[in-house]
PDB file of N, CA and C in Angstrom:
ATOM      1  N   UNK A   1     -19.672  50.340  -0.834  1.00  0.00           N
ATOM      2  CA  UNK A   1     -19.040  51.661  -0.103  1.00  0.00           C
ATOM      3  C   UNK A   1     -19.341  52.485   0.622  1.00  0.00           C
ATOM      4  N   UNK A   2     -18.782  52.776   1.654  1.00  0.00           N
ATOM      5  CA  UNK A   2     -19.002  53.632   3.003  1.00  0.00           C
ATOM      6  C   UNK A   2     -19.377  55.237   2.851  1.00  0.00           C
ATOM      7  N   UNK A   3     -20.214  55.315   3.486  1.00  0.00           N
ATOM      8  CA  UNK A   3     -20.965  56.254   3.395  1.00  0.00           C
ATOM      9  C   UNK A   3     -19.630  57.634   3.998  1.00  0.00           C
ATOM     10  N   UNK A   4     -19.403  58.607   3.330  1.00  0.00           N
ATOM     11  CA  UNK A   4     -18.587  59.560   4.254  1.00  0.00           C
ATOM     12  C   UNK A   4     -19.279  60.191   4.698  1.00  0.00           C
ATOM     13  N   UNK A   5     -18.777  61.120   6.261  1.00  0.00           N
ATOM     14  CA  UNK A   5     -19.471  61.306   6.813  1.00  0.00           C
ATOM     15  C   UNK A   5     -18.745  62.722   7.731  1.00  0.00           C
ATOM     16  N   UNK A   6     -19.485  64.082   6.781  1.00  0.00           N
ATOM     17  CA  UNK A   6     -18.187  65.403   6.940  1.00  0.00           C
ATOM     18  C   UNK A   6     -19.006  65.777   8.408  1.00  0.00           C
ATOM     19  N   UNK A   7     -17.816  66.231   8.848  1.00  0.00           N
ATOM     20  CA  UNK A   7     -18.233  66.879  10.380  1.00  0.00           C
ATOM     21  C   UNK A   7     -17.162  68.047  10.539  1.00  0.00           C
ATOM     22  N   UNK A   8     -17.616  68.692  11.158  1.00  0.00           N
ATOM     23  CA  UNK A   8     -17.112  70.198  10.943  1.00  0.00           C
ATOM     24  C   UNK A   8     -15.895  69.908  12.152  1.00  0.00           C
ATOM     25  N   UNK A   9     -15.244  70.968  12.191  1.00  0.00           N
ATOM     26  CA  UNK A   9     -13.701  70.864  12.895  1.00  0.00           C
ATOM     27  C   UNK A   9     -14.045  70.774  14.705  1.00  0.00           C
ATOM     28  N   UNK A  10     -14.346  71.357  14.993  1.00  0.00           N
ATOM     29  CA  UNK A  10     -14.774  71.309  16.563  1.00  0.00           C
ATOM     30  C   UNK A  10     -15.461  69.770  16.619  1.00  0.00           C
ATOM     31  N   UNK A  11     -16.371  69.442  16.367  1.00  0.00           N
ATOM     32  CA  UNK A  11     -16.816  67.947  16.357  1.00  0.00           C
ATOM     33  C   UNK A  11     -15.935  66.824  16.265  1.00  0.00           C
ATOM     34  N   UNK A  12     -14.745  67.207  15.321  1.00  0.00           N
ATOM     35  CA  UNK A  12     -13.852  65.792  15.190  1.00  0.00           C
ATOM     36  C   UNK A  12     -12.710  66.120  16.310  1.00  0.00           C
ATOM     37  N   UNK A  13     -12.567  67.486  17.206  1.00  0.00           N
ATOM     38  CA  UNK A  13     -11.802  67.303  18.197  1.00  0.00           C
ATOM     39  C   UNK A  13     -12.692  66.759  19.476  1.00  0.00           C
ATOM     40  N   UNK A  14     -13.826  67.192  19.497  1.00  0.00           N
ATOM     41  CA  UNK A  14     -14.352  66.803  20.686  1.00  0.00           C
ATOM     42  C   UNK A  14     -14.389  65.168  20.677  1.00  0.00           C
ATOM     43  N   UNK A  15     -14.586  64.286  19.397  1.00  0.00           N
ATOM     44  CA  UNK A  15     -14.757  62.914  19.396  1.00  0.00           C
ATOM     45  C   UNK A  15     -13.387  62.325  19.635  1.00  0.00           C
ATOM     46  N   UNK A  16     -12.219  63.150  18.864  1.00  0.00           N
ATOM     47  CA  UNK A  16     -11.063  63.166  19.772  1.00  0.00           C
ATOM     48  C   UNK A  16     -10.205  63.057  20.977  1.00  0.00           C
ATOM     49  N   UNK A  17     -11.204  64.147  21.668  1.00  0.00           N
ATOM     50  CA  UNK A  17     -10.592  64.242  23.024  1.00  0.00           C
ATOM     51  C   UNK A  17     -11.270  63.775  23.940  1.00  0.00           C
ATOM     52  N   UNK A  18     -12.477  62.986  23.608  1.00  0.00           N
ATOM     53  CA  UNK A  18     -13.291  62.225  24.428  1.00  0.00           C
ATOM     54  C   UNK A  18     -12.819  61.009  24.521  1.00  0.00           C
ATOM     55  N   UNK A  19     -11.926  60.359  23.602  1.00  0.00           N
ATOM     56  CA  UNK A  19     -11.174  59.376  23.860  1.00  0.00           C
ATOM     57  C   UNK A  19     -10.487  58.981  24.708  1.00  0.00           C
ATOM     58  N   UNK A  20     -10.405  59.859  25.497  1.00  0.00           N
ATOM     59  CA  UNK A  20      -8.957  59.848  26.516  1.00  0.00           C
ATOM     60  C   UNK A  20      -9.354  60.131  27.713  1.00  0.00           C
ATOM     61  N   UNK A  21     -10.252  59.245  28.395  1.00  0.00           N
ATOM     62  CA  UNK A  21     -11.386  59.571  29.769  1.00  0.00           C
ATOM     63  C   UNK A  21     -10.607  59.454  30.719  1.00  0.00           C
ATOM     64  N   UNK A  22      -9.352  58.784  30.870  1.00  0.00           N
ATOM     65  CA  UNK A  22      -8.300  58.834  31.993  1.00  0.00           C
ATOM     66  C   UNK A  22      -6.898  59.252  31.313  1.00  0.00           C
ATOM     67  N   UNK A  23      -5.697  59.206  32.677  1.00  0.00           N
ATOM     68  CA  UNK A  23      -4.652  59.564  32.023  1.00  0.00           C
ATOM     69  C   UNK A  23      -4.091  58.442  31.719  1.00  0.00           C
ATOM     70  N   UNK A  24      -4.534  57.668  31.161  1.00  0.00           N
ATOM     71  CA  UNK A  24      -3.641  56.170  30.158  1.00  0.00           C
ATOM     72  C   UNK A  24      -3.373  57.039  28.950  1.00  0.00           C
ATOM     73  N   UNK A  25      -2.308  56.657  28.593  1.00  0.00           N
ATOM     74  CA  UNK A  25      -1.376  57.242  27.120  1.00  0.00           C
ATOM     75  C   UNK A  25      -2.109  56.145  26.040  1.00  0.00           C
ATOM     76  N   UNK A  26      -2.456  56.455  25.433  1.00  0.00           N
ATOM     77  CA  UNK A  26      -2.882  56.028  23.939  1.00  0.00           C
ATOM     78  C   UNK A  26      -1.909  56.391  22.486  1.00  0.00           C
ATOM     79  N   UNK A  27      -1.989  55.408  21.872  1.00  0.00           N
ATOM     80  CA  UNK A  27      -0.941  55.758  20.461  1.00  0.00           C
ATOM     81  C   UNK A  27      -2.274  55.837  19.653  1.00  0.00           C
ATOM     82  N   UNK A  28      -2.145  56.266  18.242  1.00  0.00           N
ATOM     83  CA  UNK A  28      -2.653  56.776  17.360  1.00  0.00           C
ATOM     84  C   UNK A  28      -3.567  55.708  16.794  1.00  0.00           C
ATOM     85  N   UNK A  29      -2.966  54.039  16.467  1.00  0.00           N
ATOM     86  CA  UNK A  29      -4.045  53.002  16.470  1.00  0.00           C
ATOM     87  C   UNK A  29      -4.868  52.888  17.808  1.00  0.00           C
ATOM     88  N   UNK A  30      -4.684  52.895  18.462  1.00  0.00           N
ATOM     89  CA  UNK A  30      -5.634  52.646  19.359  1.00  0.00           C
ATOM     90  C   UNK A  30      -6.678  53.706  19.408  1.00  0.00           C
ATOM     91  N   UNK A  31      -6.427  55.077  19.342  1.00  0.00           N
ATOM     92  CA  UNK A  31      -7.183  56.224  19.337  1.00  0.00           C
ATOM     93  C   UNK A  31      -7.843  55.791  17.931  1.00  0.00           C
ATOM     94  N   UNK A  32      -7.463  55.334  16.674  1.00  0.00           N
ATOM     95  CA  UNK A  32      -8.082  55.232  15.780  1.00  0.00           C
ATOM     96  C   UNK A  32      -9.051  53.649  16.074  1.00  0.00           C
ATOM     97  N   UNK A  33      -9.052  53.020  16.971  1.00  0.00           N
ATOM     98  CA  UNK A  33      -9.672  51.823  17.043  1.00  0.00           C
ATOM     99  C   UNK A  33     -10.848  52.402  17.908  1.00  0.00           C
ATOM    100  N   UNK A  34     -10.240  53.201  18.908  1.00  0.00           N
ATOM    101  CA  UNK A  34     -11.876  53.600  19.600  1.00  0.00           C
ATOM    102  C   UNK A  34     -12.530  54.298  19.090  1.00  0.00           C
ATOM    103  N   UNK A  35     -12.210  55.078  18.035  1.00  0.00           N
ATOM    104  CA  UNK A  35     -12.792  55.813  17.294  1.00  0.00           C
ATOM    105  C   UNK A  35     -13.618  55.406  16.392  1.00  0.00           C
ATOM    106  N   UNK A  36     -13.314  54.379  15.496  1.00  0.00           N
ATOM    107  CA  UNK A  36     -14.312  53.040  14.977  1.00  0.00           C
ATOM    108  C   UNK A  36     -15.044  52.543  15.851  1.00  0.00           C
ATOM    109  N   UNK A  37     -14.948  52.394  16.746  1.00  0.00           N
ATOM    110  CA  UNK A  37     -15.803  51.370  17.695  1.00  0.00           C
ATOM    111  C   UNK A  37     -16.862  52.446  17.791  1.00  0.00           C
ATOM    112  N   UNK A  38     -16.999  54.065  18.123  1.00  0.00           N
ATOM    113  CA  UNK A  38     -17.622  54.910  18.515  1.00  0.00           C
ATOM    114  C   UNK A  38     -18.404  55.094  16.972  1.00  0.00           C
ATOM    115  N   UNK A  39     -17.992  54.541  16.014  1.00  0.00           N
ATOM    116  CA  UNK A  39     -18.331  54.880  14.866  1.00  0.00           C
ATOM    117  C   UNK A  39     -18.056  55.925  14.175  1.00  0.00           C
ATOM    118  N   UNK A  40     -16.694  56.321  14.592  1.00  0.00           N
ATOM    119  CA  UNK A  40     -16.294  57.841  13.355  1.00  0.00           C
ATOM    120  C   UNK A  40     -15.043  56.959  12.629  1.00  0.00           C
ATOM    121  N   UNK A  41     -15.233  57.184  11.428  1.00  0.00           N
ATOM    122  CA  UNK A  41     -13.972  56.826  10.637  1.00  0.00           C
ATOM    123  C   UNK A  41     -13.010  57.706   9.717  1.00  0.00           C
ATOM    124  N   UNK A  42     -11.887  57.629  10.166  1.00  0.00           N
ATOM    125  CA  UNK A  42     -10.732  58.649   9.724  1.00  0.00           C
ATOM    126  C   UNK A  42      -9.670  58.151   9.566  1.00  0.00           C
ATOM    127  N   UNK A  43      -9.374  58.600   8.449  1.00  0.00           N
ATOM    128  CA  UNK A  43      -7.865  57.857   7.949  1.00  0.00           C
ATOM    129  C   UNK A  43      -6.967  58.376   9.099  1.00  0.00           C
ATOM    130  N   UNK A  44      -5.827  57.047   8.832  1.00  0.00           N
ATOM    131  CA  UNK A  44      -4.995  57.298  10.123  1.00  0.00           C
ATOM    132  C   UNK A  44      -3.784  58.607   9.932  1.00  0.00           C
ATOM    133  N   UNK A  45      -3.679  58.846   8.814  1.00  0.00           N
ATOM    134  CA  UNK A  45      -2.453  59.958   8.718  1.00  0.00           C
ATOM    135  C   UNK A  45      -3.337  61.736   8.952  1.00  0.00           C
ATOM    136  N   UNK A  46      -4.823  61.775   8.638  1.00  0.00           N
ATOM    137  CA  UNK A  46      -5.377  62.571   9.323  1.00  0.00           C
ATOM    138  C   UNK A  46      -5.638  62.624  10.727  1.00  0.00           C
ATOM    139  N   UNK A  47      -6.081  61.155  11.049  1.00  0.00           N
ATOM    140  CA  UNK A  47      -5.709  61.074  12.812  1.00  0.00           C
ATOM    141  C   UNK A  47      -4.833  62.030  13.803  1.00  0.00           C
ATOM    142  N   UNK A  48      -3.152  61.363  12.462  1.00  0.00           N
ATOM    143  CA  UNK A  48      -2.111  61.453  13.477  1.00  0.00           C
ATOM    144  C   UNK A  48      -1.627  62.771  12.976  1.00  0.00           C
ATOM    145  N   UNK A  49      -2.036  63.519  12.219  1.00  0.00           N
ATOM    146  CA  UNK A  49      -2.103  65.016  11.997  1.00  0.00           C
ATOM    147  C   UNK A  49      -2.967  65.537  12.600  1.00  0.00           C
ATOM    148  N   UNK A  50      -4.088  65.001  13.243  1.00  0.00           N
ATOM    149  CA  UNK A  50      -5.119  66.163  14.331  1.00  0.00           C
ATOM    150  C   UNK A  50      -4.327  66.011  15.794  1.00  0.00           C
ATOM    151  N   UNK A  51      -3.774  64.609  15.756  1.00  0.00           N
ATOM    152  CA  UNK A  51      -3.197  64.464  17.390  1.00  0.00           C
ATOM    153  C   UNK A  51      -1.708  65.462  17.566  1.00  0.00           C
ATOM    154  N   UNK A  52      -1.015  65.493  16.179  1.00  0.00           N
ATOM    155  CA  UNK A  52      -0.400  66.472  16.460  1.00  0.00           C
ATOM    156  C   UNK A  52      -0.617  67.983  16.570  1.00  0.00           C
ATOM    157  N   UNK A  53      -1.464  68.185  16.130  1.00  0.00           N
ATOM    158  CA  UNK A  53      -2.333  69.814  16.153  1.00  0.00           C
ATOM    159  C   UNK A  53      -2.805  69.951  17.665  1.00  0.00           C
ATOM    160  N   UNK A  54      -3.509  68.773  18.153  1.00  0.00           N
ATOM    161  CA  UNK A  54      -3.957  69.131  19.423  1.00  0.00           C
ATOM    162  C   UNK A  54      -2.629  68.908  20.340  1.00  0.00           C
ATOM    163  N   UNK A  55      -1.947  68.518  20.232  1.00  0.00           N
ATOM    164  CA  UNK A  55      -0.353  68.349  21.127  1.00  0.00           C
ATOM    165  C   UNK A  55       0.356  69.898  20.694  1.00  0.00           C
ATOM    166  N   UNK A  56       0.184  70.304  19.789  1.00  0.00           N
ATOM    167  CA  UNK A  56       0.665  71.651  19.702  1.00  0.00           C
ATOM    168  C   UNK A  56      -0.245  72.955  20.252  1.00  0.00           C
ATOM    169  N   UNK A  57      -1.512  72.434  20.467  1.00  0.00           N
ATOM    170  CA  UNK A  57      -2.172  73.690  21.232  1.00  0.00           C
ATOM    171  C   UNK A  57      -2.087  73.184  22.506  1.00  0.00           C
ATOM    172  N   UNK A  58      -1.307  72.207  22.889  1.00  0.00           N
ATOM    173  CA  UNK A  58      -1.450  72.205  24.633  1.00  0.00           C
ATOM    174  C   UNK A  58      -2.381  71.213  25.061  1.00  0.00           C
ATOM    175  N   UNK A  59      -3.467  70.613  24.124  1.00  0.00           N
ATOM    176  CA  UNK A  59      -4.394  69.866  24.688  1.00  0.00           C
ATOM    177  C   UNK A  59      -4.110  68.467  25.002  1.00  0.00           C
ATOM    178  N   UNK A  60      -2.907  68.076  24.471  1.00  0.00           N
ATOM    179  CA  UNK A  60      -2.641  66.756  24.397  1.00  0.00           C
ATOM    180  C   UNK A  60      -1.249  66.900  25.233  1.00  0.00           C
ATOM    181  N   UNK A  61      -0.862  65.541  25.683  1.00  0.00           N
ATOM    182  CA  UNK A  61       0.710  65.463  26.443  1.00  0.00           C
ATOM    183  C   UNK A  61       0.996  64.064  25.381  1.00  0.00           C
ATOM    184  N   UNK A  62       2.366  64.308  24.959  1.00  0.00           N
ATOM    185  CA  UNK A  62       2.535  63.567  23.957  1.00  0.00           C
ATOM    186  C   UNK A  62       4.281  62.630  24.578  1.00  0.00           C
ATOM    187  N   UNK A  63       4.482  61.576  24.389  1.00  0.00           N
ATOM    188  CA  UNK A  63       5.490  61.051  25.531  1.00  0.00           C
ATOM    189  C   UNK A  63       6.125  59.687  24.023  1.00  0.00           C
ATOM    190  N   UNK A  64       7.106  59.616  23.873  1.00  0.00           N
ATOM    191  CA  UNK A  64       7.667  58.374  23.386  1.00  0.00           C
ATOM    192  C   UNK A  64       7.735  57.342  23.967  1.00  0.00           C
ATOM    193  N   UNK A  65       7.351  55.821  23.939  1.00  0.00           N
ATOM    194  CA  UNK A  65       7.338  54.959  24.417  1.00  0.00           C
ATOM    195  C   UNK A  65       7.437  53.781  22.955  1.00  0.00           C
ATOM    196  N   UNK A  66       8.651  52.941  23.260  1.00  0.00           N
ATOM    197  CA  UNK A  66       8.743  51.880  22.519  1.00  0.00           C
ATOM    198  C   UNK A  66       8.981  52.389  20.897  1.00  0.00           C
ATOM    199  N   UNK A  67       9.651  53.712  20.786  1.00  0.00           N
ATOM    200  CA  UNK A  67       9.186  54.024  19.622  1.00  0.00           C
ATOM    201  C   UNK A  67       8.194  54.465  18.591  1.00  0.00           C
ATOM    202  N   UNK A  68       7.307  54.549  19.362  1.00  0.00           N
ATOM    203  CA  UNK A  68       5.472  54.861  19.108  1.00  0.00           C
ATOM    204  C   UNK A  68       5.300  56.435  20.313  1.00  0.00           C
ATOM    205  N   UNK A  69       4.561  57.275  19.651  1.00  0.00           N
ATOM    206  CA  UNK A  69       4.018  58.282  20.493  1.00  0.00           C
ATOM    207  C   UNK A  69       3.044  57.979  21.080  1.00  0.00           C
ATOM    208  N   UNK A  70       2.631  58.097  22.362  1.00  0.00           N
ATOM    209  CA  UNK A  70       1.384  57.979  23.395  1.00  0.00           C
ATOM    210  C   UNK A  70       0.948  59.232  23.431  1.00  0.00           C
ATOM    211  N   UNK A  71      -0.205  59.269  23.367  1.00  0.00           N
ATOM    212  CA  UNK A  71      -0.784  60.910  24.159  1.00  0.00           C
ATOM    213  C   UNK A  71      -1.811  60.735  25.116  1.00  0.00           C
ATOM    214  N   UNK A  72      -1.915  61.556  25.946  1.00  0.00           N
ATOM    215  CA  UNK A  72      -3.345  61.555  26.957  1.00  0.00           C
ATOM    216  C   UNK A  72      -3.504  62.925  27.198  1.00  0.00           C
ATOM    217  N   UNK A  73      -4.262  63.133  27.961  1.00  0.00           N
ATOM    218  CA  UNK A  73      -5.382  64.463  28.235  1.00  0.00           C
ATOM    219  C   UNK A  73      -4.655  65.530  29.019  1.00  0.00           C
ATOM    220  N   UNK A  74      -4.344  66.865  28.482  1.00  0.00           N
ATOM    221  CA  UNK A  74      -3.550  67.425  29.445  1.00  0.00           C
ATOM    222  C   UNK A  74      -5.078  68.241  30.134  1.00  0.00           C
ATOM    223  N   UNK A  75      -4.312  69.240  31.323  1.00  0.00           N
ATOM    224  CA  UNK A  75      -5.616  69.819  32.051  1.00  0.00           C
ATOM    225  C   UNK A  75      -6.082  70.770  31.057  1.00  0.00           C
ATOM    226  N   UNK A  76      -5.753  71.252  29.824  1.00  0.00           N
ATOM    227  CA  UNK A  76      -6.115  72.489  29.309  1.00  0.00           C
ATOM    228  C   UNK A  76      -6.677  71.564  27.798  1.00  0.00           C
ATOM    229  N   UNK A  77      -6.905  69.935  27.697  1.00  0.00           N
ATOM    230  CA  UNK A  77      -7.078  69.473  26.852  1.00  0.00           C
ATOM    231  C   UNK A  77      -8.576  69.021  27.800  1.00  0.00           C
ATOM    232  N   UNK A  78      -8.621  68.895  28.692  1.00  0.00           N
ATOM    233  CA  UNK A  78      -9.648  68.732  29.507  1.00  0.00           C
ATOM    234  C   UNK A  78     -11.014  69.576  29.766  1.00  0.00           C
ATOM    235  N   UNK A  79     -10.323  70.819  29.678  1.00  0.00           N
ATOM    236  CA  UNK A  79     -10.900  72.055  29.891  1.00  0.00           C
ATOM    237  C   UNK A  79     -11.823  72.457  28.757  1.00  0.00           C
ATOM    238  N   UNK A  80     -11.068  72.273  27.648  1.00  0.00           N
ATOM    239  CA  UNK A  80     -11.416  72.618  26.507  1.00  0.00           C
ATOM    240  C   UNK A  80     -12.732  71.273  25.440  1.00  0.00           C
ATOM    241  N   UNK A  81     -12.323  69.913  25.918  1.00  0.00           N
ATOM    242  CA  UNK A  81     -13.389  68.692  25.589  1.00  0.00           C
ATOM    243  C   UNK A  81     -14.630  69.205  26.660  1.00  0.00           C
ATOM    244  N   UNK A  82     -14.517  69.648  28.093  1.00  0.00           N
ATOM    245  CA  UNK A  82     -15.424  70.369  28.739  1.00  0.00           C
ATOM    246  C   UNK A  82     -16.296  71.419  28.088  1.00  0.00           C
ATOM    247  N   UNK A  83     -15.889  72.650  27.776  1.00  0.00           N
ATOM    248  CA  UNK A  83     -16.694  73.465  26.692  1.00  0.00           C
ATOM    249  C   UNK A  83     -16.911  73.463  25.575  1.00  0.00           C
ATOM    250  N   UNK A  84     -16.575  71.866  25.138  1.00  0.00           N
ATOM    251  CA  UNK A  84     -16.982  71.452  23.408  1.00  0.00           C
ATOM    252  C   UNK A  84     -18.454  70.818  23.920  1.00  0.00           C
ATOM    253  N   UNK A  85     -18.150  70.304  24.727  1.00  0.00           N
ATOM    254  CA  UNK A  85     -19.441  69.709  25.641  1.00  0.00           C
ATOM    255  C   UNK A  85     -20.563  70.379  25.470  1.00  0.00           C
ATOM    256  N   UNK A  86     -20.231  71.493  26.415  1.00  0.00           N
ATOM    257  CA  UNK A  86     -21.072  72.304  26.811  1.00  0.00           C
ATOM    258  C   UNK A  86     -22.049  72.971  25.481  1.00  0.00           C
ATOM    259  N   UNK A  87     -20.919  73.100  24.674  1.00  0.00           N
ATOM    260  CA  UNK A  87     -20.863  74.281  23.396  1.00  0.00           C
ATOM    261  C   UNK A  87     -22.439  73.191  22.511  1.00  0.00           C
ATOM    262  N   UNK A  88     -22.148  71.774  22.561  1.00  0.00           N
ATOM    263  CA  UNK A  88     -23.388  70.848  21.909  1.00  0.00           C
ATOM    264  C   UNK A  88     -23.779  70.970  22.809  1.00  0.00           C
ATOM    265  N   UNK A  89     -24.211  70.958  24.038  1.00  0.00           N
ATOM    266  CA  UNK A  89     -25.736  71.327  24.778  1.00  0.00           C
ATOM    267  C   UNK A  89     -26.557  72.239  24.533  1.00  0.00           C
ATOM    268  N   UNK A  90     -25.561  73.284  23.948  1.00  0.00           N
ATOM    269  CA  UNK A  90     -26.009  74.623  24.708  1.00  0.00           C
ATOM    270  C   UNK A  90     -26.551  75.073  22.751  1.00  0.00           C
ATOM    271  N   UNK A  91     -26.570  74.083  22.030  1.00  0.00           N
ATOM    272  CA  UNK A  91     -26.272  74.729  20.718  1.00  0.00           C
ATOM    273  C   UNK A  91     -28.207  74.605  20.392  1.00  0.00           C
ATOM    274  N   UNK A  92     -28.823  74.134  21.308  1.00  0.00           N
ATOM    275  CA  UNK A  92     -30.060  74.228  21.398  1.00  0.00           C
ATOM    276  C   UNK A  92     -30.708  75.767  21.269  1.00  0.00           C
ATOM    277  N   UNK A  93     -31.958  75.674  20.184  1.00  0.00           N
ATOM    278  CA  UNK A  93     -32.352  77.247  20.205  1.00  0.00           C
ATOM    279  C   UNK A  93     -33.237  77.654  21.156  1.00  0.00           C
ATOM    280  N   UNK A  94     -32.547  79.079  21.247  1.00  0.00           N
ATOM    281  CA  UNK A  94     -32.905  79.701  22.331  1.00  0.00           C
ATOM    282  C   UNK A  94     -32.096  80.065  23.850  1.00  0.00           C
ATOM    283  N   UNK A  95     -30.837  78.902  23.632  1.00  0.00           N
ATOM    284  CA  UNK A  95     -29.402  78.753  24.453  1.00  0.00           C
ATOM    285  C   UNK A  95     -28.629  79.556  23.761  1.00  0.00           C
ATOM    286  N   UNK A  96     -28.044  80.612  25.003  1.00  0.00           N
ATOM    287  CA  UNK A  96     -26.430  81.227  24.508  1.00  0.00           C
ATOM    288  C   UNK A  96     -25.152  80.532  24.828  1.00  0.00           C
ATOM    289  N   UNK A  97     -24.846  80.304  23.701  1.00  0.00           N
ATOM    290  CA  UNK A  97     -22.986  79.772  24.087  1.00  0.00           C
ATOM    291  C   UNK A  97     -22.204  80.316  25.232  1.00  0.00           C
ATOM    292  N   UNK A  98     -21.687  80.071  25.758  1.00  0.00           N
ATOM    293  CA  UNK A  98     -21.349  80.203  26.729  1.00  0.00           C
ATOM    294  C   UNK A  98     -19.243  80.846  26.304  1.00  0.00           C
ATOM    295  N   UNK A  99     -18.841  81.384  26.596  1.00  0.00           N
ATOM    296  CA  UNK A  99     -17.065  81.755  26.123  1.00  0.00           C
ATOM    297  C   UNK A  99     -16.745  81.079  26.102  1.00  0.00           C
ATOM    298  N   UNK A 100     -15.333  80.728  25.415  1.00  0.00           N
ATOM    299  CA  UNK A 100     -14.537  79.697  25.192  1.00  0.00           C
ATOM    300  C   UNK A 100     -13.466  79.779  26.150  1.00  0.00           C
ATOM    301  N   UNK A 101     -12.959  78.916  26.968  1.00  0.00           N
ATOM    302  CA  UNK A 101     -11.666  78.865  27.840  1.00  0.00           C
ATOM    303  C   UNK A 101     -10.769  79.422  27.174  1.00  0.00           C
ATOM    304  N   UNK A 102      -9.671  79.902  27.691  1.00  0.00           N
ATOM    305  CA  UNK A 102      -7.789  80.351  27.386  1.00  0.00           C
ATOM    306  C   UNK A 102      -7.420  78.844  27.080  1.00  0.00           C
TER     307      UNK A 102
END
C-alpha cells in the first residue's frame, strides 16, 4: 500500500501552480503526470476540481483545445505562486510572513 501524504491547501496550490513554469497550456492528465514525477500523488478527479477552483479564482486561464481543457498560469497566478514560495521560505522561525497579494 502506498502511504498517503496529507498536505495543506496552500501546499497543494503551490505544487500545482509550480507545474506551469511558462505560458504553455497543459491538460489535467499532463498536470497529473508532472505532479507524479515530482512525487505528488493526487486523484485525477481531485486535481480537476482544484484546477477548476484555481481557474475560478483567476489563477489559471482555461481554454478548450480538441475536446479537452488546457490550463495556463495567469499573471495573478504567477503572483500567488511567488507569494506562496515566499511564505514557504519565511516559515523559518523568527521571520515574519508578508501580506498576501490581492
